[in-house]
Amino acid sequence: MKLPFKNRRDAGEILANEFASMINAANVLVMALPRGGVPVAEPIAQRLGVPLSVIGIKISRK
């Protein structure tokens, strides 16, 4: 099966290019989930020149 992206970072770079023309980065914060979201979000935040925040989630298992 052929995937549309080489890897998560590649996906982030492609998304960053799409977002760059649509977003006024003055009041933007990119947020990422730690399990796989950071490699996607990092190039987006870098391209837009905005902060990147990682969301901490605690899952309670009983």
N, C-alpha and C. Protein backbone atom coordinates (compact mmCIF):
# COMPACT_ATOMS: atom_id res chain seq x y z
N MET A 1 0.83 -1.17 0.00
CA MET A 1 0.00 0.00 0.00
C MET A 1 0.89 1.25 0.00
N LYS A 2 0.59 2.20 -0.88
CA LYS A 2 1.35 3.45 -0.96
C LYS A 2 0.67 4.50 -0.08
N LEU A 3 1.42 5.01 0.87
CA LEU A 3 0.91 6.06 1.75
C LEU A 3 1.16 7.43 1.10
N PRO A 4 0.30 8.41 1.42
CA PRO A 4 0.46 9.73 0.79
C PRO A 4 1.67 10.53 1.28
N PHE A 5 2.25 10.14 2.43
CA PHE A 5 3.40 10.85 2.99
C PHE A 5 4.53 9.86 3.25
N LYS A 6 5.76 10.33 3.19
CA LYS A 6 6.91 9.48 3.49
C LYS A 6 6.92 9.09 4.98
N ASN A 7 6.63 10.07 5.82
CA ASN A 7 6.63 9.88 7.27
C ASN A 7 5.86 11.04 7.90
N ARG A 8 5.82 11.09 9.21
CA ARG A 8 5.05 12.14 9.90
C ARG A 8 5.62 13.53 9.64
N ARG A 9 6.94 13.64 9.63
CA ARG A 9 7.56 14.94 9.38
C ARG A 9 7.20 15.45 7.98
N ASP A 10 7.24 14.57 7.00
CA ASP A 10 6.86 14.93 5.64
C ASP A 10 5.42 15.44 5.61
N ALA A 11 4.54 14.77 6.33
CA ALA A 11 3.15 15.20 6.42
C ALA A 11 3.07 16.61 7.02
N GLY A 12 3.84 16.86 8.08
CA GLY A 12 3.85 18.17 8.71
C GLY A 12 4.35 19.26 7.78
N GLU A 13 5.37 18.95 6.99
CA GLU A 13 5.91 19.94 6.05
C GLU A 13 4.89 20.28 4.97
N ILE A 14 4.19 19.28 4.48
CA ILE A 14 3.16 19.53 3.47
C ILE A 14 2.02 20.35 4.06
N LEU A 15 1.59 20.00 5.27
CA LEU A 15 0.54 20.77 5.94
C LEU A 15 0.99 22.19 6.22
N ALA A 16 2.24 22.35 6.61
CA ALA A 16 2.77 23.69 6.90
C ALA A 16 2.67 24.59 5.67
N ASN A 17 2.97 24.04 4.51
CA ASN A 17 2.88 24.83 3.28
C ASN A 17 1.43 25.22 2.99
N GLU A 18 0.51 24.33 3.27
CA GLU A 18 -0.91 24.64 3.07
C GLU A 18 -1.37 25.71 4.06
N PHE A 19 -1.00 25.57 5.32
CA PHE A 19 -1.43 26.51 6.35
C PHE A 19 -0.81 27.89 6.18
N ALA A 20 0.41 27.96 5.67
CA ALA A 20 1.13 29.23 5.58
C ALA A 20 0.36 30.28 4.79
N SER A 21 -0.36 29.86 3.78
CA SER A 21 -1.10 30.83 2.98
C SER A 21 -2.47 31.16 3.56
N MET A 22 -2.92 30.40 4.54
CA MET A 22 -4.27 30.59 5.08
C MET A 22 -4.29 31.25 6.45
N ILE A 23 -3.18 31.23 7.17
CA ILE A 23 -3.18 31.62 8.58
C ILE A 23 -2.37 32.88 8.81
N ASN A 24 -2.95 33.82 9.53
CA ASN A 24 -2.21 34.98 10.03
C ASN A 24 -1.61 34.52 11.36
N ALA A 25 -0.32 34.36 11.41
CA ALA A 25 0.35 33.74 12.55
C ALA A 25 0.45 34.63 13.78
N ALA A 26 -0.21 35.77 13.79
CA ALA A 26 -0.10 36.68 14.92
C ALA A 26 -0.59 36.06 16.23
N ASN A 27 -1.65 35.33 16.20
CA ASN A 27 -2.23 34.75 17.42
C ASN A 27 -2.40 33.24 17.30
N VAL A 28 -1.37 32.56 16.84
CA VAL A 28 -1.47 31.12 16.59
C VAL A 28 -0.54 30.37 17.52
N LEU A 29 -1.02 29.25 18.01
CA LEU A 29 -0.23 28.30 18.79
C LEU A 29 -0.51 26.93 18.21
N VAL A 30 0.54 26.19 17.89
CA VAL A 30 0.38 24.83 17.39
C VAL A 30 0.48 23.89 18.58
N MET A 31 -0.51 23.01 18.71
CA MET A 31 -0.52 22.06 19.81
C MET A 31 -0.45 20.64 19.26
N ALA A 32 0.30 19.78 19.94
CA ALA A 32 0.50 18.42 19.46
C ALA A 32 0.29 17.40 20.57
N LEU A 33 -0.23 16.26 20.19
CA LEU A 33 -0.31 15.13 21.10
C LEU A 33 1.04 14.42 21.08
N PRO A 34 1.53 13.96 22.24
CA PRO A 34 2.87 13.39 22.29
C PRO A 34 3.06 12.12 21.47
N ARG A 35 2.07 11.29 21.34
CA ARG A 35 2.25 10.01 20.66
C ARG A 35 2.06 10.16 19.15
N GLY A 36 3.06 10.69 18.48
CA GLY A 36 3.03 10.79 17.03
C GLY A 36 2.70 12.17 16.49
N GLY A 37 2.15 13.04 17.30
CA GLY A 37 1.77 14.35 16.81
C GLY A 37 2.89 15.36 16.74
N VAL A 38 3.91 15.19 17.56
CA VAL A 38 5.00 16.17 17.60
C VAL A 38 5.76 16.23 16.27
N PRO A 39 6.11 15.10 15.65
CA PRO A 39 6.82 15.20 14.36
C PRO A 39 5.99 15.86 13.26
N VAL A 40 4.68 15.80 13.37
CA VAL A 40 3.80 16.48 12.40
C VAL A 40 3.73 17.98 12.73
N ALA A 41 3.57 18.30 14.00
CA ALA A 41 3.36 19.68 14.42
C ALA A 41 4.63 20.54 14.35
N GLU A 42 5.79 19.95 14.57
CA GLU A 42 7.03 20.73 14.62
C GLU A 42 7.30 21.52 13.33
N PRO A 43 7.25 20.91 12.15
CA PRO A 43 7.50 21.71 10.95
C PRO A 43 6.42 22.77 10.70
N ILE A 44 5.22 22.51 11.17
CA ILE A 44 4.15 23.51 11.03
C ILE A 44 4.48 24.74 11.87
N ALA A 45 4.84 24.51 13.13
CA ALA A 45 5.19 25.63 14.02
C ALA A 45 6.41 26.38 13.50
N GLN A 46 7.40 25.65 13.02
CA GLN A 46 8.60 26.30 12.49
C GLN A 46 8.29 27.15 11.27
N ARG A 47 7.52 26.60 10.35
CA ARG A 47 7.19 27.31 9.09
C ARG A 47 6.38 28.57 9.37
N LEU A 48 5.45 28.48 10.32
CA LEU A 48 4.62 29.63 10.66
C LEU A 48 5.31 30.59 11.62
N GLY A 49 6.40 30.13 12.25
CA GLY A 49 7.11 30.97 13.22
C GLY A 49 6.32 31.20 14.48
N VAL A 50 5.63 30.15 14.93
CA VAL A 50 4.78 30.25 16.11
C VAL A 50 5.20 29.20 17.15
N PRO A 51 4.77 29.37 18.40
CA PRO A 51 5.13 28.40 19.44
C PRO A 51 4.48 27.04 19.22
N LEU A 52 5.16 26.02 19.72
CA LEU A 52 4.65 24.65 19.70
C LEU A 52 4.48 24.19 21.14
N SER A 53 3.33 23.66 21.45
CA SER A 53 3.06 23.15 22.79
C SER A 53 2.64 21.69 22.68
N VAL A 54 3.15 20.88 23.59
CA VAL A 54 2.77 19.46 23.62
C VAL A 54 1.73 19.29 24.71
N ILE A 55 0.63 18.65 24.35
CA ILE A 55 -0.49 18.45 25.27
C ILE A 55 -0.23 17.21 26.10
N GLY A 56 -0.23 17.36 27.40
CA GLY A 56 -0.07 16.21 28.29
C GLY A 56 -1.43 15.62 28.63
N ILE A 57 -1.55 14.33 28.42
CA ILE A 57 -2.81 13.65 28.70
C ILE A 57 -2.54 12.49 29.64
N LYS A 58 -3.33 12.43 30.69
CA LYS A 58 -3.21 11.31 31.62
C LYS A 58 -4.42 10.41 31.43
N ILE A 59 -4.14 9.16 31.13
CA ILE A 59 -5.20 8.19 30.96
C ILE A 59 -5.25 7.31 32.18
N SER A 60 -6.40 7.27 32.80
CA SER A 60 -6.57 6.46 34.01
C SER A 60 -7.06 5.08 33.61
N ARG A 61 -6.33 4.08 34.04
CA ARG A 61 -6.74 2.69 33.79
C ARG A 61 -7.05 2.04 35.11
N LYS A 62 -8.18 1.40 35.16
CA LYS A 62 -8.62 0.77 36.41
C LYS A 62 -8.38 -0.71 36.40
